[in-house]
């Protein structure tokens, strides 16, 4: 869709579909926030800094305490990675 400004406008869903199976994003998380993104994760001690890998559509792929592991997993899944802050 083209917005009035003449620039293309994509919804969040459109962006997710564009990157499906191709793009993953890496995000630093605190253990207190894990259950919202990883509902099946066990209860974790508070105050831990963790790293998560998600698919372009937000699907959780990996949760780890080692940032490098997220890049290795993305490479295994042939995903290009972007980092979110």
C-alpha atoms as a PDB file:
ATOM      1  CA  UNK A   1       0.000   0.000   0.000  1.00  0.00           C
ATOM      2  CA  UNK A   2       1.232   3.544  -0.767  1.00  0.00           C
ATOM      3  CA  UNK A   3       0.646   6.158   1.921  1.00  0.00           C
ATOM      4  CA  UNK A   4      -0.324   9.765   1.112  1.00  0.00           C
ATOM      5  CA  UNK A   5       3.317  10.743   1.542  1.00  0.00           C
ATOM      6  CA  UNK A   6       4.122   8.606  -1.498  1.00  0.00           C
ATOM      7  CA  UNK A   7       6.178   6.205   0.616  1.00  0.00           C
ATOM      8  CA  UNK A   8       5.209   2.549   0.813  1.00  0.00           C
ATOM      9  CA  UNK A   9       3.324   1.650   3.983  1.00  0.00           C
ATOM     10  CA  UNK A  10       3.587  -1.884   5.332  1.00  0.00           C
ATOM     11  CA  UNK A  11       1.796  -3.230   8.352  1.00  0.00           C
ATOM     12  CA  UNK A  12       3.624  -5.218  11.012  1.00  0.00           C
ATOM     13  CA  UNK A  13       2.021  -8.367   9.584  1.00  0.00           C
ATOM     14  CA  UNK A  14       3.218  -7.484   6.062  1.00  0.00           C
ATOM     15  CA  UNK A  15       6.759  -7.057   7.362  1.00  0.00           C
ATOM     16  CA  UNK A  16       6.604 -10.351   9.241  1.00  0.00           C
ATOM     17  CA  UNK A  17       5.450 -12.183   6.138  1.00  0.00           C
ATOM     18  CA  UNK A  18       8.229 -10.642   4.064  1.00  0.00           C
ATOM     19  CA  UNK A  19      10.838 -12.037   6.418  1.00  0.00           C
ATOM     20  CA  UNK A  20       9.207 -15.378   7.183  1.00  0.00           C
ATOM     21  CA  UNK A  21      11.830 -18.104   7.106  1.00  0.00           C
ATOM     22  CA  UNK A  22      14.502 -15.589   6.090  1.00  0.00           C
ATOM     23  CA  UNK A  23      14.947 -13.109   8.928  1.00  0.00           C
ATOM     24  CA  UNK A  24      15.324 -13.635  12.655  1.00  0.00           C
ATOM     25  CA  UNK A  25      15.726 -11.030  15.300  1.00  0.00           C
ATOM     26  CA  UNK A  26      17.825 -11.167  18.406  1.00  0.00           C
ATOM     27  CA  UNK A  27      16.735  -9.432  21.547  1.00  0.00           C
ATOM     28  CA  UNK A  28      18.222  -9.056  24.999  1.00  0.00           C
ATOM     29  CA  UNK A  29      15.672  -9.930  27.671  1.00  0.00           C
ATOM     30  CA  UNK A  30      15.404 -10.029  31.428  1.00  0.00           C
ATOM     31  CA  UNK A  31      14.216 -13.242  33.020  1.00  0.00           C
ATOM     32  CA  UNK A  32      11.156 -11.431  34.391  1.00  0.00           C
ATOM     33  CA  UNK A  33       9.940 -10.872  30.807  1.00  0.00           C
ATOM     34  CA  UNK A  34      10.472 -14.394  29.479  1.00  0.00           C
ATOM     35  CA  UNK A  35       7.041 -15.859  30.233  1.00  0.00           C
ATOM     36  CA  UNK A  36       5.333 -13.266  27.998  1.00  0.00           C
ATOM     37  CA  UNK A  37       7.347 -14.367  24.952  1.00  0.00           C
ATOM     38  CA  UNK A  38       8.133 -17.990  25.865  1.00  0.00           C
ATOM     39  CA  UNK A  39       4.989 -19.309  27.600  1.00  0.00           C
ATOM     40  CA  UNK A  40       6.381 -22.843  27.951  1.00  0.00           C
ATOM     41  CA  UNK A  41       9.633 -21.724  29.599  1.00  0.00           C
ATOM     42  CA  UNK A  42      10.222 -22.770  33.201  1.00  0.00           C
ATOM     43  CA  UNK A  43      10.119 -20.169  35.952  1.00  0.00           C
ATOM     44  CA  UNK A  44      13.504 -18.423  36.074  1.00  0.00           C
ATOM     45  CA  UNK A  45      15.269 -16.583  38.841  1.00  0.00           C
ATOM     46  CA  UNK A  46      14.681 -12.836  38.623  1.00  0.00           C
ATOM     47  CA  UNK A  47      17.420 -10.505  37.426  1.00  0.00           C
ATOM     48  CA  UNK A  48      18.965 -12.737  34.762  1.00  0.00           C
ATOM     49  CA  UNK A  49      20.000 -11.204  31.456  1.00  0.00           C
ATOM     50  CA  UNK A  50      19.165 -13.524  28.579  1.00  0.00           C
ATOM     51  CA  UNK A  51      19.202 -13.531  24.786  1.00  0.00           C
ATOM     52  CA  UNK A  52      16.329 -14.604  22.577  1.00  0.00           C
ATOM     53  CA  UNK A  53      16.007 -15.425  18.905  1.00  0.00           C
ATOM     54  CA  UNK A  54      12.631 -14.880  17.232  1.00  0.00           C
ATOM     55  CA  UNK A  55      11.334 -15.453  13.727  1.00  0.00           C
ATOM     56  CA  UNK A  56      10.302 -12.422  11.698  1.00  0.00           C
ATOM     57  CA  UNK A  57       6.701 -12.990  12.775  1.00  0.00           C
ATOM     58  CA  UNK A  58       7.666 -13.033  16.468  1.00  0.00           C
ATOM     59  CA  UNK A  59       7.699 -16.809  16.866  1.00  0.00           C
ATOM     60  CA  UNK A  60      10.132 -17.694  19.670  1.00  0.00           C
ATOM     61  CA  UNK A  61      12.984 -19.906  18.496  1.00  0.00           C
ATOM     62  CA  UNK A  62      15.666 -19.889  21.196  1.00  0.00           C
ATOM     63  CA  UNK A  63      16.263 -18.540  24.686  1.00  0.00           C
ATOM     64  CA  UNK A  64      19.791 -18.615  26.080  1.00  0.00           C
ATOM     65  CA  UNK A  65      22.207 -16.839  28.399  1.00  0.00           C
ATOM     66  CA  UNK A  66      24.840 -16.830  25.646  1.00  0.00           C
ATOM     67  CA  UNK A  67      24.472 -14.213  22.890  1.00  0.00           C
ATOM     68  CA  UNK A  68      26.680 -16.162  20.487  1.00  0.00           C
ATOM     69  CA  UNK A  69      24.284 -19.104  20.648  1.00  0.00           C
ATOM     70  CA  UNK A  70      21.561 -17.004  19.055  1.00  0.00           C
ATOM     71  CA  UNK A  71      23.785 -16.301  16.041  1.00  0.00           C
ATOM     72  CA  UNK A  72      24.776 -19.956  15.712  1.00  0.00           C
ATOM     73  CA  UNK A  73      21.139 -21.055  15.802  1.00  0.00           C
ATOM     74  CA  UNK A  74      20.143 -18.403  13.267  1.00  0.00           C
ATOM     75  CA  UNK A  75      22.909 -19.625  10.960  1.00  0.00           C
ATOM     76  CA  UNK A  76      21.726 -23.229  11.353  1.00  0.00           C
ATOM     77  CA  UNK A  77      18.213 -22.116  10.405  1.00  0.00           C
ATOM     78  CA  UNK A  78      19.620 -20.010   7.530  1.00  0.00           C
ATOM     79  CA  UNK A  79      18.188 -16.795   8.977  1.00  0.00           C
ATOM     80  CA  UNK A  80      19.684 -13.348   8.493  1.00  0.00           C
ATOM     81  CA  UNK A  81      19.719 -11.647  11.859  1.00  0.00           C
ATOM     82  CA  UNK A  82      18.804  -8.205  13.060  1.00  0.00           C
ATOM     83  CA  UNK A  83      19.132  -6.973  16.631  1.00  0.00           C
ATOM     84  CA  UNK A  84      16.399  -5.169  18.544  1.00  0.00           C
ATOM     85  CA  UNK A  85      17.224  -2.856  21.395  1.00  0.00           C
END
